[in-house]
Protein backbone atom coordinates (compact mmCIF):
# COMPACT_ATOMS: atom_id res chain seq x y z
CA MET A 1 0.00 0.00 0.00
CA LYS A 2 2.84 2.43 0.80
CA ALA A 3 4.44 1.85 -2.57
CA SER A 4 1.14 2.58 -4.28
CA SER A 5 0.76 5.81 -2.30
CA VAL A 6 4.23 7.01 -3.32
CA THR A 7 3.52 6.24 -6.96
CA ASP A 8 0.24 8.16 -6.84
CA ARG A 9 1.93 11.21 -5.32
CA SER A 10 4.69 11.10 -7.95
CA GLY A 11 2.09 11.06 -10.70
CA VAL A 12 0.25 14.00 -9.17
CA ASP A 13 3.51 15.97 -8.76
CA TRP A 14 4.52 15.30 -12.39
CA PHE A 15 1.10 16.39 -13.68
CA ALA A 16 1.26 19.54 -11.55
CA ARG A 17 4.68 20.39 -12.93
CA ILE A 18 3.55 19.92 -16.54
CA THR A 19 0.49 22.04 -15.87
CA ALA A 20 2.64 24.78 -14.34
CA ILE A 21 5.06 24.75 -17.28
CA LEU A 22 2.21 24.94 -19.79
CA GLY A 23 0.69 27.80 -17.85
CA LEU A 24 4.02 29.62 -17.88
CA ILE A 25 4.34 29.12 -21.65
CA VAL A 26 0.83 30.47 -22.21
CA ALA A 27 1.57 33.47 -19.99
CA LEU A 28 4.81 34.22 -21.83
CA ALA A 29 3.07 33.89 -25.18
CA ALA A 30 0.42 36.34 -24.03
CA VAL A 31 3.18 38.87 -23.40
CA VAL A 32 5.65 38.10 -26.21
CA VAL A 33 3.23 37.73 -29.14
CA PRO A 34 1.73 41.24 -28.79
CA LEU A 35 5.24 42.66 -28.39
CA LEU A 36 6.43 40.92 -31.56
CA LYS A 37 3.33 42.08 -33.43
CA ASP A 38 3.80 45.62 -32.18
CA ASN A 39 7.46 45.56 -33.23
CA GLN A 40 6.50 44.20 -36.65
CA ASP A 41 3.86 46.90 -37.06
CA LYS A 42 6.51 49.55 -36.36
CA GLN A 43 8.96 48.22 -38.96
CA GLU A 44 9.25 50.36 -42.08
CA GLN A 45 8.53 48.74 -45.42
CA LEU A 46 9.05 50.62 -48.68
CA THR A 47 8.38 49.05 -52.07
CA ILE A 48 10.08 50.67 -55.09
CA VAL A 49 9.10 50.32 -58.75
CA ALA A 50 11.21 51.88 -61.51
CA LYS A 51 10.56 52.02 -65.25
CA PRO A 52 11.82 54.20 -68.12
CA GLU A 53 9.33 56.89 -69.10
CA GLY A 54 7.89 56.78 -72.61
CA SER A 55 5.92 59.54 -74.31
CA GLY A 56 6.09 62.81 -72.44
CA GLY A 57 9.45 62.15 -70.86
CA ILE A 58 12.23 64.41 -72.12
CA ILE A 59 15.79 63.22 -72.66
CA ARG A 60 18.36 65.71 -71.43
CA LEU A 61 21.64 66.45 -73.15
CA SER A 62 24.64 67.97 -71.43
CA SER A 63 24.76 71.75 -71.55
CA ASN A 64 28.46 71.80 -70.69
CA GLU A 65 30.44 69.01 -72.30
CA SER A 66 33.67 70.23 -70.72
CA LYS A 67 32.25 68.90 -67.44
CA SER A 68 30.13 65.99 -68.66
CA ASN A 69 28.78 64.47 -71.86
CA ALA A 70 26.15 62.46 -70.00
CA VAL A 71 22.74 61.85 -71.54
CA GLN A 72 19.94 61.65 -68.97
CA ILE A 73 16.98 59.35 -69.51
CA PRO A 74 13.67 60.01 -67.69
CA TRP A 75 12.43 57.26 -65.37
CA ILE A 76 9.24 57.03 -63.35
CA ILE A 77 9.87 55.95 -59.76
CA THR A 78 7.00 54.81 -57.56
CA LEU A 79 7.37 54.49 -53.79
CA SER A 80 4.76 52.56 -51.83
CA ASN A 81 4.58 52.41 -48.06
CA THR A 82 3.64 48.75 -47.63
CA GLY A 83 4.23 48.74 -43.88
CA ARG A 84 1.90 49.65 -41.04
CA THR A 85 3.66 52.77 -39.85
CA LYS A 86 4.25 56.22 -41.29
CA LEU A 87 7.69 56.72 -42.79
CA SER A 88 9.73 59.68 -43.96
CA VAL A 89 11.99 59.46 -47.03
CA VAL A 90 14.77 61.96 -46.39
CA SER A 91 17.27 61.42 -49.20
CA TYR A 92 18.34 59.22 -52.10
CA ARG A 93 21.49 58.19 -53.92
CA ILE A 94 22.27 56.69 -57.31
CA ALA A 95 25.11 54.52 -58.57
CA GLN A 96 25.75 52.82 -61.88
CA LEU A 97 26.71 49.20 -61.37
CA THR A 98 29.69 47.71 -63.18
CA TYR A 99 31.53 44.40 -63.07
CA GLU A 100 34.04 46.02 -60.72
CA GLY A 101 31.45 47.52 -58.37
CA MET A 102 29.82 50.95 -58.51
CA MET A 103 30.58 53.94 -60.71
CA PHE A 104 29.75 57.59 -60.14
CA PHE A 105 30.20 60.46 -62.61
CA THR A 106 29.04 63.99 -63.28
CA GLY A 107 25.59 63.88 -64.85
CA LEU A 108 24.63 60.49 -63.42
CA ASP A 109 21.95 62.04 -61.18
CA GLY A 110 19.67 64.36 -63.11
CA GLY A 111 17.52 65.15 -60.11
CA ILE A 112 14.02 64.31 -58.91
CA SER A 113 10.91 66.19 -59.99
CA ASP A 114 7.17 65.66 -59.91
CA ARG A 115 5.23 64.76 -63.04
CA ASN A 116 4.97 68.50 -63.83
CA ASN A 117 8.78 68.84 -63.71
CA LYS A 118 8.75 70.81 -60.47
CA PRO A 119 11.70 69.84 -58.23
CA MET A 120 10.70 67.62 -55.32
CA THR A 121 11.74 68.51 -51.82
CA PHE A 122 12.58 66.17 -48.96
CA PRO A 123 11.40 64.77 -46.66
CA VAL A 124 8.59 62.90 -48.40
CA ILE A 125 6.10 61.64 -45.82
CA LEU A 126 4.20 58.47 -46.65
CA GLY A 127 1.37 57.19 -44.48
CA ASP A 128 0.29 53.57 -44.20
CA GLY A 129 -0.55 52.39 -47.75
CA GLU A 130 0.30 55.73 -49.35
CA ILE A 131 1.96 55.87 -52.80
CA VAL A 132 3.91 58.61 -54.55
CA SER A 133 5.33 58.71 -58.10
CA PHE A 134 7.91 61.10 -59.53
CA ARG A 135 10.37 61.53 -62.37
CA LEU A 136 14.05 60.77 -61.96
CA HIS A 137 16.60 61.42 -64.72
CA LEU A 138 19.38 58.81 -64.80
CA GLY A 139 22.50 59.57 -66.80
CA PHE A 140 24.81 57.44 -68.90
CA GLU A 141 27.85 58.14 -71.06
CA PRO A 142 26.87 57.75 -74.74
CA THR A 143 29.00 56.62 -77.65
CA ILE A 144 30.27 59.35 -79.97
CA GLN A 145 27.83 58.22 -82.68
CA ILE A 146 24.81 58.41 -80.39
CA SER A 147 25.91 61.73 -78.94
CA GLN A 148 26.17 63.26 -82.40
CA LEU A 149 22.82 61.86 -83.53
CA LEU A 150 21.02 63.16 -80.45
CA LYS A 151 22.51 66.62 -80.88
CA LYS A 152 21.41 66.68 -84.52
CA MET A 153 17.89 65.54 -83.59
CA TYR A 154 17.71 68.25 -80.93
CA ARG A 155 18.82 70.96 -83.38
CA ILE A 156 16.14 69.89 -85.86
CA ASN A 157 13.22 68.94 -83.60
CA GLY A 158 13.88 70.60 -80.25
CA PRO A 159 13.35 68.72 -76.95
CA LEU A 160 13.81 64.98 -77.32
CA ASP A 161 10.70 63.00 -76.41
CA ALA A 162 11.92 59.67 -75.02
CA HIS A 163 9.55 57.48 -77.01
CA LYS A 164 10.00 59.33 -80.32
CA THR A 165 13.76 59.29 -79.89
CA PHE A 166 13.70 55.54 -79.24
CA LEU A 167 11.80 54.99 -82.51
CA ALA A 168 13.97 57.41 -84.52
CA LEU A 169 17.12 55.58 -83.44
CA ALA A 170 15.53 52.18 -84.08
CA GLU A 171 14.88 53.27 -87.67
CA LYS A 172 18.64 53.72 -87.91
CA SER A 173 19.11 50.21 -86.42
CA LEU A 174 20.42 51.68 -83.17
CA THR A 175 19.49 51.87 -79.50
CA ILE A 176 20.19 54.95 -77.44
CA TYR A 177 22.83 52.96 -75.58
CA GLY A 178 24.76 52.28 -78.77
CA GLY A 179 23.51 48.75 -79.38
CA LYS A 180 21.92 47.24 -82.46
CA ALA A 181 18.19 47.24 -83.10
CA SER A 182 15.86 46.28 -85.92
CA MET A 183 12.48 47.81 -86.71
CA LEU A 184 9.57 46.49 -88.73
CA LYS A 185 6.74 48.76 -89.80
CA TYR A 186 3.31 47.52 -90.85
CA GLU A 187 0.60 49.00 -93.07
CA ASP A 188 -1.58 49.90 -90.10
CA ASP A 189 1.24 52.09 -88.72
CA SER A 190 2.06 49.60 -86.00
CA TYR A 191 5.66 48.54 -85.54
CA LYS A 192 7.95 46.04 -83.89
CA VAL A 193 11.38 46.86 -82.49
CA SER A 194 13.83 44.10 -81.59
CA ILE A 195 17.03 44.60 -79.61
CA ASP A 196 20.07 42.49 -80.44
CA PRO A 197 20.73 40.32 -77.34
CA ASN A 198 24.45 40.99 -77.69
CA SER A 199 23.71 44.70 -77.24
CA LEU A 200 22.24 44.28 -73.78
CA GLN A 201 25.69 44.43 -72.22
CA ASN A 202 25.82 48.10 -73.27
CA VAL A 203 22.73 48.95 -71.22
CA PRO A 204 23.58 50.57 -67.88
CA ILE A 205 22.36 49.04 -64.63
CA TYR A 206 21.51 51.43 -61.83
CA ASN A 207 21.16 51.10 -58.10
CA VAL A 208 18.68 53.63 -56.74
CA ALA A 209 18.50 53.81 -52.94
CA PHE A 210 16.22 55.78 -50.61
CA LEU A 211 17.01 56.54 -46.97
CA THR A 212 14.31 57.03 -44.32
CA GLY A 213 14.32 59.16 -41.22
CA ARG A 214 14.93 56.03 -39.13
CA ASN A 215 18.11 55.39 -41.10
CA GLN A 216 16.62 52.45 -43.00
CA GLU A 217 17.74 52.05 -46.62
CA PHE A 218 15.59 50.62 -49.40
CA SER A 219 16.96 50.16 -52.91
CA ILE A 220 16.19 48.79 -56.35
CA LYS A 221 18.36 47.66 -59.25
CA CYS A 222 16.99 48.70 -62.61
CA SER A 223 17.92 48.51 -66.27
CA ALA A 224 16.03 49.76 -69.32
CA TYR A 225 15.42 46.42 -71.00
CA SER A 226 15.12 44.03 -68.08
CA ASN A 227 13.73 43.57 -64.57
CA LEU A 228 16.48 42.80 -62.08
C-alpha cells in the first residue's frame, strides 16, 4: 500500500509540474506575441518600382560638355509604403553598377521632380498604404555616334521625347545605348522593335536607394530592357 501511495503522489507531482510549465508558456506567449506584433507593425517597409518613361518624358543632353557628356533618360519611380507605420523618405542616392562595383560620374543624377517637372523637396512623408510617383533622370555616357545623332535631332526637332527618340534611333538600327536594333513597320502604322541580345551588355544598370528618417535604406536595381 505504501508503494502505491508514493507512486500516486509522484504522478500528481509530475502532472502539476507539466500544468505549471504549460501555464508559464501560455503566460509568456500572451506577453511576447503582442510585443512581436507591435514591433513588426513599427517596422518600415518601402516598395520601389522603376521604369523608363515613354511619351512625355524628355531626354536631357549635357549643356556643358567640358564637365560631362552624360545623356539623362527620364524614369518614373513609384514608392509605396507597404508597412503599417508612417515613414519619412529623407534622401536618395544613385550609382551605376559595373563588373568592378559601382561607378559615379558627373551627370549620373539628373535630379528628382514631380510629373509637372517641379523639383521635389525632402522629406517625403508616406502614411500607411500611401503611394507617390515622380520623375528621376538617370545619366549614362553615350557613344560618340549616339551623342552626335542626339545633338542633330535636338537641333532639328527641339526637346527629345523619349519614345519618339527611341523609334527614330531604331529606324537607324540603333538603340540609345549604342547597341543594335531592328524595326519592322506595318501598313496599319504599327511597328515592332527588336534589340540584339548581344547589345544588352551596353545597357547601364543602376542602383537607386532611398534613406528614411529612421536610417533604413531601401533600394532597387533597374535597367532599361530588363527587370532585375
